[in-house]
C-alpha atoms as a PDB file:
ATOM      1  CA  MET A   1      -3.169  -9.763  11.038  1.00  0.00           C
ATOM      2  CA  THR A   2      -3.765  -6.980   8.512  1.00  0.00           C
ATOM      3  CA  THR A   3      -0.738  -5.250   6.996  1.00  0.00           C
ATOM      4  CA  ALA A   4      -0.939  -1.673   5.724  1.00  0.00           C
ATOM      5  CA  VAL A   5       1.149  -1.313   2.575  1.00  0.00           C
ATOM      6  CA  ASP A   6       2.854   1.978   1.730  1.00  0.00           C
ATOM      7  CA  SER A   7       3.139   3.417  -1.749  1.00  0.00           C
ATOM      8  CA  ASN A   8       6.917   2.975  -1.944  1.00  0.00           C
ATOM      9  CA  VAL A   9       6.510  -0.815  -1.746  1.00  0.00           C
ATOM     10  CA  LEU A  10       3.823  -0.828  -4.425  1.00  0.00           C
ATOM     11  CA  ILE A  11       5.859   1.449  -6.688  1.00  0.00           C
ATOM     12  CA  ASP A  12       8.660  -1.114  -6.446  1.00  0.00           C
ATOM     13  CA  LEU A  13       6.195  -3.568  -8.009  1.00  0.00           C
ATOM     14  CA  ILE A  14       4.354  -1.455 -10.551  1.00  0.00           C
ATOM     15  CA  GLY A  15       7.064   1.012 -11.514  1.00  0.00           C
ATOM     16  CA  LYS A  16      10.366   0.447 -13.250  1.00  0.00           C
ATOM     17  CA  GLU A  17      12.207  -2.598 -11.905  1.00  0.00           C
ATOM     18  CA  THR A  18      14.968  -1.723  -9.441  1.00  0.00           C
ATOM     19  CA  ARG A  19      17.064  -3.513  -6.844  1.00  0.00           C
ATOM     20  CA  PHE A  20      14.134  -3.068  -4.454  1.00  0.00           C
ATOM     21  CA  THR A  21      11.585  -4.916  -6.600  1.00  0.00           C
ATOM     22  CA  ALA A  22      12.432  -8.467  -5.495  1.00  0.00           C
ATOM     23  CA  PRO A  23      12.641  -7.611  -1.762  1.00  0.00           C
ATOM     24  CA  SER A  24       9.316  -5.760  -1.971  1.00  0.00           C
ATOM     25  CA  ILE A  25       7.667  -8.743  -3.639  1.00  0.00           C
ATOM     26  CA  ALA A  26       9.068 -11.021  -0.927  1.00  0.00           C
ATOM     27  CA  ALA A  27       7.841  -8.677   1.834  1.00  0.00           C
ATOM     28  CA  LEU A  28       4.332  -8.510   0.360  1.00  0.00           C
ATOM     29  CA  ASP A  29       4.203 -12.282  -0.067  1.00  0.00           C
ATOM     30  CA  ALA A  30       5.253 -12.748   3.570  1.00  0.00           C
ATOM     31  CA  ALA A  31       2.687 -10.219   4.784  1.00  0.00           C
ATOM     32  CA  ARG A  32      -0.039 -11.856   2.671  1.00  0.00           C
ATOM     33  CA  ALA A  33       0.823 -15.206   4.265  1.00  0.00           C
ATOM     34  CA  ASP A  34       0.143 -13.608   7.682  1.00  0.00           C
ATOM     35  CA  GLY A  35      -3.199 -12.093   6.726  1.00  0.00           C
ATOM     36  CA  ALA A  36      -4.882  -9.356   4.741  1.00  0.00           C
ATOM     37  CA  LEU A  37      -3.212  -6.495   2.874  1.00  0.00           C
ATOM     38  CA  MET A  38      -4.656  -2.980   2.744  1.00  0.00           C
ATOM     39  CA  VAL A  39      -3.875   0.551   1.657  1.00  0.00           C
ATOM     40  CA  CYS A  40      -5.453   3.810   2.704  1.00  0.00           C
ATOM     41  CA  PRO A  41      -6.966   6.126   0.076  1.00  0.00           C
ATOM     42  CA  VAL A  42      -3.863   8.347   0.125  1.00  0.00           C
ATOM     43  CA  VAL A  43      -1.658   5.424  -0.953  1.00  0.00           C
ATOM     44  CA  ALA A  44      -4.123   4.539  -3.701  1.00  0.00           C
ATOM     45  CA  ALA A  45      -3.948   8.154  -4.904  1.00  0.00           C
ATOM     46  CA  GLU A  46      -0.139   8.147  -4.814  1.00  0.00           C
ATOM     47  CA  ILE A  47       0.120   5.084  -7.065  1.00  0.00           C
ATOM     48  CA  SER A  48      -2.770   6.055  -9.346  1.00  0.00           C
ATOM     49  CA  VAL A  49      -0.410   7.835 -11.762  1.00  0.00           C
ATOM     50  CA  TYR A  50       0.862   4.411 -12.839  1.00  0.00           C
ATOM     51  CA  TYR A  51      -2.565   3.510 -14.251  1.00  0.00           C
ATOM     52  CA  PRO A  52      -4.409   5.025 -17.221  1.00  0.00           C
ATOM     53  CA  MET A  53      -7.878   4.708 -15.662  1.00  0.00           C
ATOM     54  CA  PRO A  54      -9.410   4.276 -12.184  1.00  0.00           C
ATOM     55  CA  LYS A  55     -10.640   0.844 -13.238  1.00  0.00           C
ATOM     56  CA  SER A  56      -7.048  -0.247 -13.941  1.00  0.00           C
ATOM     57  CA  LEU A  57      -5.964   0.856 -10.467  1.00  0.00           C
ATOM     58  CA  ARG A  58      -8.847  -1.023  -8.842  1.00  0.00           C
ATOM     59  CA  GLU A  59      -8.213  -4.171 -10.858  1.00  0.00           C
ATOM     60  CA  SER A  60      -4.495  -4.138 -10.064  1.00  0.00           C
ATOM     61  CA  LEU A  61      -5.071  -3.768  -6.318  1.00  0.00           C
ATOM     62  CA  GLU A  62      -7.712  -6.497  -6.404  1.00  0.00           C
ATOM     63  CA  THR A  63      -5.351  -8.808  -8.316  1.00  0.00           C
ATOM     64  CA  MET A  64      -2.679  -8.222  -5.665  1.00  0.00           C
ATOM     65  CA  GLY A  65      -5.250  -8.930  -2.944  1.00  0.00           C
ATOM     66  CA  ILE A  66      -5.010  -5.414  -1.529  1.00  0.00           C
ATOM     67  CA  ALA A  67      -8.121  -3.690  -0.181  1.00  0.00           C
ATOM     68  CA  VAL A  68      -8.574   0.071   0.046  1.00  0.00           C
ATOM     69  CA  GLN A  69      -9.785   0.958   3.540  1.00  0.00           C
ATOM     70  CA  GLU A  70     -10.875   4.282   4.934  1.00  0.00           C
ATOM     71  CA  MET A  71      -9.163   5.527   8.073  1.00  0.00           C
ATOM     72  CA  SER A  72     -11.037   6.550  11.183  1.00  0.00           C
ATOM     73  CA  TYR A  73     -10.355   9.847  12.893  1.00  0.00           C
ATOM     74  CA  ALA A  74      -8.840   7.874  15.772  1.00  0.00           C
ATOM     75  CA  SER A  75      -6.428   6.166  13.358  1.00  0.00           C
ATOM     76  CA  LEU A  76      -5.520   9.473  11.735  1.00  0.00           C
ATOM     77  CA  HIS A  77      -4.876  11.048  15.126  1.00  0.00           C
ATOM     78  CA  LEU A  78      -2.730   8.126  16.244  1.00  0.00           C
ATOM     79  CA  ALA A  79      -0.715   8.295  13.008  1.00  0.00           C
ATOM     80  CA  GLY A  80      -0.135  12.014  13.525  1.00  0.00           C
ATOM     81  CA  THR A  81       0.906  11.501  17.145  1.00  0.00           C
ATOM     82  CA  VAL A  82       3.368   8.756  16.227  1.00  0.00           C
ATOM     83  CA  PHE A  83       4.742  10.866  13.367  1.00  0.00           C
ATOM     84  CA  VAL A  84       5.433  13.796  15.703  1.00  0.00           C
ATOM     85  CA  GLN A  85       7.182  11.462  18.175  1.00  0.00           C
ATOM     86  CA  TYR A  86       9.245  10.029  15.300  1.00  0.00           C
ATOM     87  CA  CYS A  87      10.391  13.499  14.157  1.00  0.00           C
END
């Protein structure tokens, strides 16, 4: 199974340590045990401010075993549909 990781979880890891850091690490470790981890380009952009250079961002994601994957139009549409139902 592939798990999509949101920026808030990654910020718990790469930002200032908070009470959410340890649970986020545990959640990522559990997800990694079940399969691959990925982020969409928007998440990569959201966390990019924590890195001085694009290369640093890439290296950090690679070290964490997180791939950046494009989203298809079908995936984008589904995400929008689910978001509207959620609201």
